[in-house]
Amino acid sequence: MQVEAKKGIKIGCCGIPEAKRKYFKEFPVVEVQQTFYQPPKLETLQNWRKQAPEKFEFTLKAWQLITHLPSSPTYRKLKEPISNEQRNAYGCFKPTDEVFAAWERIFQCANALKATKIIFQCPVSFKPIDDNIRNMEYFFQQINRADFIFCWEPRGNWSNEIISNLCQKLNLVHCVDPFVNTRQAGSLKYFRLHGIGSYRYQYSYQDFERLVQFCEGEQQVYCMFNNIAMLQDARLFLKKITAG
């Protein structure tokens, strides 16, 4: 039976690390990762929505074609070929037909899942230069937001001031790993827990105590585990929160 965490904290995984039906009963939320690498067929996502309980929440990660350049190693998981002529049209929120077409695919995926939030994770190579900032501003001002909440996870050398200004201007939630950065803006907290220092890291009881402190101060907090031990860590943290 699915357990709702207390204190307005929703706990889940980035990806489904066990059988879907079991996961849907155990956790209240999942961040879909397939949409980042290669969006599944809409029929597949609609089936996931039907399999999940009515109150189960889907969030999803935006397609890499929007945020990452084709030189990114993550493109190895892309199943749709990109021609040499198209390679310069993708990534970095570029104002191109190709990027906006990629957004339309994600918009359809989010609707199929009845998702609530879309996460735009940028690579370290996406730096706070004028072109990138202008691209972001144009992209988020042009696309159809519908009722989705957009969460932005910048990585690399972005100042808190630039992050805060962009999030406020573009109505974005600053998505962070709270063990690395402090959220600068947004109507809620959306934490992506990548493991302290390593994806292979397994969180300790003391880490969970700190995580509880990070969660304080907001009515709505998402703790999404994204390390190798994500399933075990999410279970342990859920148990801690629900036990009070």
C-alpha atoms as a PDB file:
ATOM      1  CA  MET A   1       0.000   0.000   0.000  1.00  0.00           C
ATOM      2  CA  GLN A   2       1.357   3.405  -0.973  1.00  0.00           C
ATOM      3  CA  VAL A   3       2.453   5.515   1.983  1.00  0.00           C
ATOM      4  CA  GLU A   4       2.227   9.300   1.945  1.00  0.00           C
ATOM      5  CA  ALA A   5       5.078  11.018   3.736  1.00  0.00           C
ATOM      6  CA  LYS A   6       4.324  13.555   6.436  1.00  0.00           C
ATOM      7  CA  LYS A   7       5.383  17.209   6.474  1.00  0.00           C
ATOM      8  CA  GLY A   8       4.482  17.775   2.810  1.00  0.00           C
ATOM      9  CA  ILE A   9       7.478  15.743   1.617  1.00  0.00           C
ATOM     10  CA  LYS A  10       7.099  13.518  -1.436  1.00  0.00           C
ATOM     11  CA  ILE A  11       9.759  10.854  -1.864  1.00  0.00           C
ATOM     12  CA  GLY A  12      10.551   8.906  -5.018  1.00  0.00           C
ATOM     13  CA  CYS A  13      13.199   7.891  -7.523  1.00  0.00           C
ATOM     14  CA  CYS A  14      14.549   9.269 -10.775  1.00  0.00           C
ATOM     15  CA  GLY A  15      13.517   6.288 -12.842  1.00  0.00           C
ATOM     16  CA  ILE A  16      11.597   3.176 -11.802  1.00  0.00           C
ATOM     17  CA  PRO A  17      14.087   0.764 -10.174  1.00  0.00           C
ATOM     18  CA  GLU A  18      11.631  -2.099  -9.625  1.00  0.00           C
ATOM     19  CA  ALA A  19       8.470  -3.519 -11.203  1.00  0.00           C
ATOM     20  CA  LYS A  20       6.126  -0.636 -12.014  1.00  0.00           C
ATOM     21  CA  ARG A  21       3.088  -1.999 -10.221  1.00  0.00           C
ATOM     22  CA  LYS A  22       5.123  -2.543  -7.064  1.00  0.00           C
ATOM     23  CA  TYR A  23       6.702   0.900  -7.259  1.00  0.00           C
ATOM     24  CA  PHE A  24       3.336   2.570  -7.825  1.00  0.00           C
ATOM     25  CA  LYS A  25       2.051   1.012  -4.591  1.00  0.00           C
ATOM     26  CA  GLU A  26       5.160   1.865  -2.606  1.00  0.00           C
ATOM     27  CA  PHE A  27       5.868   5.500  -3.565  1.00  0.00           C
ATOM     28  CA  PRO A  28       3.764   8.585  -4.370  1.00  0.00           C
ATOM     29  CA  VAL A  29       5.888  10.001  -7.219  1.00  0.00           C
ATOM     30  CA  VAL A  30       8.442   9.123  -9.909  1.00  0.00           C
ATOM     31  CA  GLU A  31      10.590  11.228 -12.209  1.00  0.00           C
ATOM     32  CA  VAL A  32      10.517   9.637 -15.656  1.00  0.00           C
ATOM     33  CA  GLN A  33      14.001   9.441 -17.191  1.00  0.00           C
ATOM     34  CA  GLN A  34      13.281   7.838 -20.560  1.00  0.00           C
ATOM     35  CA  THR A  35      11.980  11.143 -21.866  1.00  0.00           C
ATOM     36  CA  PHE A  36      15.472  12.606 -21.518  1.00  0.00           C
ATOM     37  CA  TYR A  37      17.186   9.986 -23.676  1.00  0.00           C
ATOM     38  CA  GLN A  38      14.429   9.009 -26.120  1.00  0.00           C
ATOM     39  CA  PRO A  39      10.755   9.758 -25.482  1.00  0.00           C
ATOM     40  CA  PRO A  40       8.675   6.561 -25.448  1.00  0.00           C
ATOM     41  CA  LYS A  41       5.556   6.180 -27.558  1.00  0.00           C
ATOM     42  CA  LEU A  42       2.606   8.097 -26.197  1.00  0.00           C
ATOM     43  CA  GLU A  43       0.646   4.850 -25.915  1.00  0.00           C
ATOM     44  CA  THR A  44       3.326   3.511 -23.570  1.00  0.00           C
ATOM     45  CA  LEU A  45       3.111   6.548 -21.316  1.00  0.00           C
ATOM     46  CA  GLN A  46      -0.681   6.459 -21.345  1.00  0.00           C
ATOM     47  CA  ASN A  47      -0.514   2.849 -20.182  1.00  0.00           C
ATOM     48  CA  TRP A  48       1.786   3.841 -17.313  1.00  0.00           C
ATOM     49  CA  ARG A  49      -0.752   6.456 -16.282  1.00  0.00           C
ATOM     50  CA  LYS A  50      -3.536   3.863 -16.336  1.00  0.00           C
ATOM     51  CA  GLN A  51      -1.476   1.381 -14.294  1.00  0.00           C
ATOM     52  CA  ALA A  52      -0.704   3.932 -11.575  1.00  0.00           C
ATOM     53  CA  PRO A  53      -3.115   4.924  -8.792  1.00  0.00           C
ATOM     54  CA  GLU A  54      -5.175   8.021  -9.465  1.00  0.00           C
ATOM     55  CA  LYS A  55      -3.221  10.151  -6.972  1.00  0.00           C
ATOM     56  CA  PHE A  56       0.183   8.884  -8.081  1.00  0.00           C
ATOM     57  CA  GLU A  57       2.287  11.726  -9.457  1.00  0.00           C
ATOM     58  CA  PHE A  58       4.540  11.706 -12.511  1.00  0.00           C
ATOM     59  CA  THR A  59       7.232  14.270 -13.154  1.00  0.00           C
ATOM     60  CA  LEU A  60       9.543  13.974 -16.147  1.00  0.00           C
ATOM     61  CA  LYS A  61      12.919  15.053 -17.441  1.00  0.00           C
ATOM     62  CA  ALA A  62      12.958  17.144 -20.625  1.00  0.00           C
ATOM     63  CA  TRP A  63      14.520  15.677 -23.766  1.00  0.00           C
ATOM     64  CA  GLN A  64      18.273  16.131 -24.117  1.00  0.00           C
ATOM     65  CA  LEU A  65      17.744  17.637 -27.587  1.00  0.00           C
ATOM     66  CA  ILE A  66      16.543  20.775 -25.795  1.00  0.00           C
ATOM     67  CA  THR A  67      19.310  21.129 -23.216  1.00  0.00           C
ATOM     68  CA  HIS A  68      22.356  19.141 -24.371  1.00  0.00           C
ATOM     69  CA  LEU A  69      24.550  19.492 -27.439  1.00  0.00           C
ATOM     70  CA  PRO A  70      24.908  16.422 -29.701  1.00  0.00           C
ATOM     71  CA  SER A  71      28.516  16.103 -28.487  1.00  0.00           C
ATOM     72  CA  SER A  72      27.144  14.934 -25.128  1.00  0.00           C
ATOM     73  CA  PRO A  73      27.769  11.224 -24.447  1.00  0.00           C
ATOM     74  CA  THR A  74      24.103  10.907 -23.463  1.00  0.00           C
ATOM     75  CA  TYR A  75      23.202  11.115 -27.172  1.00  0.00           C
ATOM     76  CA  ARG A  76      24.422   7.531 -27.506  1.00  0.00           C
ATOM     77  CA  LYS A  77      21.039   6.492 -26.126  1.00  0.00           C
ATOM     78  CA  LEU A  78      19.157   8.526 -28.736  1.00  0.00           C
ATOM     79  CA  LYS A  79      17.384   6.193 -31.160  1.00  0.00           C
ATOM     80  CA  GLU A  80      16.413   8.795 -33.756  1.00  0.00           C
ATOM     81  CA  PRO A  81      19.330   9.653 -36.067  1.00  0.00           C
ATOM     82  CA  ILE A  82      20.470  13.250 -36.405  1.00  0.00           C
ATOM     83  CA  SER A  83      21.965  14.337 -39.691  1.00  0.00           C
ATOM     84  CA  ASN A  84      25.189  16.313 -39.864  1.00  0.00           C
ATOM     85  CA  GLU A  85      23.174  19.296 -41.078  1.00  0.00           C
ATOM     86  CA  GLN A  86      21.010  19.169 -37.940  1.00  0.00           C
ATOM     87  CA  ARG A  87      23.747  18.773 -35.348  1.00  0.00           C
ATOM     88  CA  ASN A  88      24.215  22.493 -34.816  1.00  0.00           C
ATOM     89  CA  ALA A  89      20.493  23.008 -34.256  1.00  0.00           C
ATOM     90  CA  TYR A  90      20.138  21.110 -30.976  1.00  0.00           C
ATOM     91  CA  GLY A  91      20.831  21.840 -27.330  1.00  0.00           C
ATOM     92  CA  CYS A  92      21.367  24.957 -25.195  1.00  0.00           C
ATOM     93  CA  PHE A  93      17.689  26.000 -25.631  1.00  0.00           C
ATOM     94  CA  LYS A  94      18.610  27.232 -29.133  1.00  0.00           C
ATOM     95  CA  PRO A  95      15.806  29.159 -30.918  1.00  0.00           C
ATOM     96  CA  THR A  96      15.540  26.605 -33.717  1.00  0.00           C
ATOM     97  CA  ASP A  97      12.677  24.650 -35.224  1.00  0.00           C
ATOM     98  CA  GLU A  98      14.399  21.467 -34.082  1.00  0.00           C
ATOM     99  CA  VAL A  99      14.508  22.478 -30.408  1.00  0.00           C
ATOM    100  CA  PHE A 100      10.898  23.624 -30.421  1.00  0.00           C
ATOM    101  CA  ALA A 101       9.872  20.364 -32.134  1.00  0.00           C
ATOM    102  CA  ALA A 102      11.655  18.486 -29.329  1.00  0.00           C
ATOM    103  CA  TRP A 103       9.681  20.541 -26.829  1.00  0.00           C
ATOM    104  CA  GLU A 104       6.408  19.610 -28.532  1.00  0.00           C
ATOM    105  CA  ARG A 105       7.298  15.934 -28.070  1.00  0.00           C
ATOM    106  CA  ILE A 106       7.923  16.483 -24.373  1.00  0.00           C
ATOM    107  CA  PHE A 107       4.714  18.484 -24.049  1.00  0.00           C
ATOM    108  CA  GLN A 108       2.804  15.532 -25.498  1.00  0.00           C
ATOM    109  CA  CYS A 109       4.600  13.104 -23.180  1.00  0.00           C
ATOM    110  CA  ALA A 110       3.759  15.215 -20.148  1.00  0.00           C
ATOM    111  CA  ASN A 111       0.104  15.338 -21.159  1.00  0.00           C
ATOM    112  CA  ALA A 112       0.014  11.570 -21.716  1.00  0.00           C
ATOM    113  CA  LEU A 113       1.316  11.002 -18.176  1.00  0.00           C
ATOM    114  CA  LYS A 114      -0.755  13.851 -16.713  1.00  0.00           C
ATOM    115  CA  ALA A 115       2.578  14.970 -15.290  1.00  0.00           C
ATOM    116  CA  THR A 116       2.820  17.918 -12.928  1.00  0.00           C
ATOM    117  CA  LYS A 117       6.432  19.039 -13.348  1.00  0.00           C
ATOM    118  CA  ILE A 118       9.044  19.045 -16.101  1.00  0.00           C
ATOM    119  CA  ILE A 119      12.720  19.096 -15.167  1.00  0.00           C
ATOM    120  CA  PHE A 120      15.256  20.814 -17.417  1.00  0.00           C
ATOM    121  CA  GLN A 121      18.673  19.538 -16.377  1.00  0.00           C
ATOM    122  CA  CYS A 122      21.560  21.331 -18.063  1.00  0.00           C
ATOM    123  CA  PRO A 123      25.082  19.947 -18.514  1.00  0.00           C
ATOM    124  CA  VAL A 124      28.147  21.502 -16.899  1.00  0.00           C
ATOM    125  CA  SER A 125      29.116  22.720 -20.376  1.00  0.00           C
ATOM    126  CA  PHE A 126      26.036  24.990 -20.411  1.00  0.00           C
ATOM    127  CA  LYS A 127      27.688  28.075 -18.971  1.00  0.00           C
ATOM    128  CA  PRO A 128      26.229  31.458 -17.910  1.00  0.00           C
ATOM    129  CA  ILE A 129      27.206  33.291 -21.076  1.00  0.00           C
ATOM    130  CA  ASP A 130      25.002  35.841 -22.831  1.00  0.00           C
ATOM    131  CA  ASP A 131      23.960  33.524 -25.684  1.00  0.00           C
ATOM    132  CA  ASN A 132      22.799  30.784 -23.322  1.00  0.00           C
ATOM    133  CA  ILE A 133      20.883  33.209 -21.123  1.00  0.00           C
ATOM    134  CA  ARG A 134      19.182  34.775 -24.152  1.00  0.00           C
ATOM    135  CA  ASN A 135      18.298  31.326 -25.477  1.00  0.00           C
ATOM    136  CA  MET A 136      16.748  30.355 -22.142  1.00  0.00           C
ATOM    137  CA  GLU A 137      14.735  33.546 -21.946  1.00  0.00           C
ATOM    138  CA  TYR A 138      13.380  33.181 -25.466  1.00  0.00           C
ATOM    139  CA  PHE A 139      12.603  29.468 -25.054  1.00  0.00           C
ATOM    140  CA  PHE A 140      10.633  29.767 -21.831  1.00  0.00           C
ATOM    141  CA  GLN A 141       8.797  32.880 -23.022  1.00  0.00           C
ATOM    142  CA  GLN A 142       7.680  31.177 -26.241  1.00  0.00           C
ATOM    143  CA  ILE A 143       6.606  27.669 -25.238  1.00  0.00           C
ATOM    144  CA  ASN A 144       3.185  26.605 -24.017  1.00  0.00           C
ATOM    145  CA  ARG A 145       3.489  26.160 -20.267  1.00  0.00           C
ATOM    146  CA  ALA A 146      -0.081  24.918 -19.745  1.00  0.00           C
ATOM    147  CA  ASP A 147      -0.338  24.039 -16.027  1.00  0.00           C
ATOM    148  CA  PHE A 148       3.115  22.487 -15.734  1.00  0.00           C
ATOM    149  CA  ILE A 149       5.672  23.626 -13.201  1.00  0.00           C
ATOM    150  CA  PHE A 150       9.113  23.958 -14.768  1.00  0.00           C
ATOM    151  CA  CYS A 151      12.145  22.997 -12.683  1.00  0.00           C
ATOM    152  CA  TRP A 152      15.622  24.028 -13.828  1.00  0.00           C
ATOM    153  CA  GLU A 153      18.766  22.242 -12.639  1.00  0.00           C
ATOM    154  CA  PRO A 154      21.813  24.270 -13.719  1.00  0.00           C
ATOM    155  CA  ARG A 155      25.216  22.751 -13.185  1.00  0.00           C
ATOM    156  CA  GLY A 156      28.580  24.379 -13.471  1.00  0.00           C
ATOM    157  CA  ASN A 157      29.637  27.888 -12.523  1.00  0.00           C
ATOM    158  CA  TRP A 158      26.313  29.737 -12.289  1.00  0.00           C
ATOM    159  CA  SER A 159      26.145  32.457  -9.644  1.00  0.00           C
ATOM    160  CA  ASN A 160      23.269  32.489  -7.188  1.00  0.00           C
ATOM    161  CA  GLU A 161      22.326  35.965  -8.406  1.00  0.00           C
ATOM    162  CA  ILE A 162      21.973  34.906 -12.046  1.00  0.00           C
ATOM    163  CA  ILE A 163      20.046  31.759 -11.072  1.00  0.00           C
ATOM    164  CA  SER A 164      17.677  33.705  -8.844  1.00  0.00           C
ATOM    165  CA  ASN A 165      17.060  36.415 -11.445  1.00  0.00           C
ATOM    166  CA  LEU A 166      16.399  33.920 -14.243  1.00  0.00           C
ATOM    167  CA  CYS A 167      14.091  31.775 -12.130  1.00  0.00           C
ATOM    168  CA  GLN A 168      12.055  34.768 -11.049  1.00  0.00           C
ATOM    169  CA  LYS A 169      11.914  36.235 -14.548  1.00  0.00           C
ATOM    170  CA  LEU A 170      10.971  32.945 -16.224  1.00  0.00           C
ATOM    171  CA  ASN A 171       8.887  31.465 -13.385  1.00  0.00           C
ATOM    172  CA  LEU A 172      11.180  28.482 -12.806  1.00  0.00           C
ATOM    173  CA  VAL A 173      11.817  26.371  -9.725  1.00  0.00           C
ATOM    174  CA  HIS A 174      15.531  26.131  -8.968  1.00  0.00           C
ATOM    175  CA  CYS A 175      16.179  22.380  -8.771  1.00  0.00           C
ATOM    176  CA  VAL A 176      19.207  21.327  -6.703  1.00  0.00           C
ATOM    177  CA  ASP A 177      20.983  18.547  -4.895  1.00  0.00           C
ATOM    178  CA  PRO A 178      20.720  20.086  -1.398  1.00  0.00           C
ATOM    179  CA  PHE A 179      24.001  18.493  -0.316  1.00  0.00           C
ATOM    180  CA  VAL A 180      25.711  20.547  -3.041  1.00  0.00           C
ATOM    181  CA  ASN A 181      23.708  23.753  -3.569  1.00  0.00           C
ATOM    182  CA  THR A 182      21.042  25.884  -1.917  1.00  0.00           C
ATOM    183  CA  ARG A 183      17.789  26.523  -3.754  1.00  0.00           C
ATOM    184  CA  GLN A 184      17.588  30.139  -4.885  1.00  0.00           C
ATOM    185  CA  ALA A 185      14.003  30.508  -6.125  1.00  0.00           C
ATOM    186  CA  GLY A 186      10.721  28.754  -6.733  1.00  0.00           C
ATOM    187  CA  SER A 187       7.329  27.985  -5.263  1.00  0.00           C
ATOM    188  CA  LEU A 188       8.489  24.600  -3.920  1.00  0.00           C
ATOM    189  CA  LYS A 189      11.625  22.568  -3.254  1.00  0.00           C
ATOM    190  CA  TYR A 190      12.588  19.959  -5.829  1.00  0.00           C
ATOM    191  CA  PHE A 191      15.648  18.010  -4.733  1.00  0.00           C
ATOM    192  CA  ARG A 192      17.514  15.561  -7.013  1.00  0.00           C
ATOM    193  CA  LEU A 193      19.791  13.475  -4.804  1.00  0.00           C
ATOM    194  CA  HIS A 194      22.732  12.292  -6.888  1.00  0.00           C
ATOM    195  CA  GLY A 195      24.814  10.788  -4.065  1.00  0.00           C
ATOM    196  CA  ILE A 196      27.326  12.748  -2.014  1.00  0.00           C
ATOM    197  CA  GLY A 197      30.450  12.945  -4.134  1.00  0.00           C
ATOM    198  CA  SER A 198      29.518   9.906  -6.202  1.00  0.00           C
ATOM    199  CA  TYR A 199      26.584   8.222  -7.883  1.00  0.00           C
ATOM    200  CA  ARG A 200      27.626   5.086  -5.956  1.00  0.00           C
ATOM    201  CA  TYR A 201      27.172   6.782  -2.592  1.00  0.00           C
ATOM    202  CA  GLN A 202      24.612   5.347  -0.178  1.00  0.00           C
ATOM    203  CA  TYR A 203      23.021   7.804   2.236  1.00  0.00           C
ATOM    204  CA  SER A 204      23.490   7.381   5.986  1.00  0.00           C
ATOM    205  CA  TYR A 205      21.202   8.058   8.937  1.00  0.00           C
ATOM    206  CA  GLN A 206      23.113  11.301   9.559  1.00  0.00           C
ATOM    207  CA  ASP A 207      22.535  12.292   5.914  1.00  0.00           C
ATOM    208  CA  PHE A 208      18.808  11.713   6.329  1.00  0.00           C
ATOM    209  CA  GLU A 209      18.841  13.951   9.408  1.00  0.00           C
ATOM    210  CA  ARG A 210      20.412  16.710   7.321  1.00  0.00           C
ATOM    211  CA  LEU A 211      17.939  16.080   4.509  1.00  0.00           C
ATOM    212  CA  VAL A 212      15.034  16.585   6.897  1.00  0.00           C
ATOM    213  CA  GLN A 213      16.519  19.959   7.792  1.00  0.00           C
ATOM    214  CA  PHE A 214      16.897  20.849   4.107  1.00  0.00           C
ATOM    215  CA  CYS A 215      13.195  20.088   3.640  1.00  0.00           C
ATOM    216  CA  GLU A 216      12.035  22.550   6.289  1.00  0.00           C
ATOM    217  CA  GLY A 217      10.364  25.819   5.410  1.00  0.00           C
ATOM    218  CA  GLU A 218       8.132  24.803   2.497  1.00  0.00           C
ATOM    219  CA  GLN A 219       4.709  23.184   2.282  1.00  0.00           C
ATOM    220  CA  GLN A 220       5.722  21.127  -0.769  1.00  0.00           C
ATOM    221  CA  VAL A 221       9.068  19.320  -1.072  1.00  0.00           C
ATOM    222  CA  TYR A 222      10.188  16.612  -3.506  1.00  0.00           C
ATOM    223  CA  CYS A 223      13.087  14.320  -2.605  1.00  0.00           C
ATOM    224  CA  MET A 224      13.993  12.365  -5.725  1.00  0.00           C
ATOM    225  CA  PHE A 225      16.829   9.860  -5.312  1.00  0.00           C
ATOM    226  CA  ASN A 226      19.129   9.446  -8.305  1.00  0.00           C
ATOM    227  CA  ASN A 227      22.010   7.301  -7.020  1.00  0.00           C
ATOM    228  CA  ILE A 228      22.713   3.590  -7.538  1.00  0.00           C
ATOM    229  CA  ALA A 229      21.074   2.742  -4.194  1.00  0.00           C
ATOM    230  CA  MET A 230      18.076   4.967  -4.986  1.00  0.00           C
ATOM    231  CA  LEU A 231      15.441   2.358  -4.201  1.00  0.00           C
ATOM    232  CA  GLN A 232      16.893   1.396  -0.824  1.00  0.00           C
ATOM    233  CA  ASP A 233      17.628   4.996   0.136  1.00  0.00           C
ATOM    234  CA  ALA A 234      14.168   6.195  -0.900  1.00  0.00           C
ATOM    235  CA  ARG A 235      12.591   3.422   1.173  1.00  0.00           C
ATOM    236  CA  LEU A 236      14.684   4.262   4.219  1.00  0.00           C
ATOM    237  CA  PHE A 237      13.980   7.982   3.997  1.00  0.00           C
ATOM    238  CA  LEU A 238      10.274   7.359   3.435  1.00  0.00           C
ATOM    239  CA  LYS A 239      10.255   5.145   6.520  1.00  0.00           C
ATOM    240  CA  LYS A 240      11.994   7.835   8.550  1.00  0.00           C
ATOM    241  CA  ILE A 241       9.580  10.562   7.476  1.00  0.00           C
ATOM    242  CA  THR A 242       6.411   8.534   7.952  1.00  0.00           C
ATOM    243  CA  ALA A 243       7.606   7.337  11.364  1.00  0.00           C
ATOM    244  CA  GLY A 244       7.839  10.932  12.455  1.00  0.00           C
END
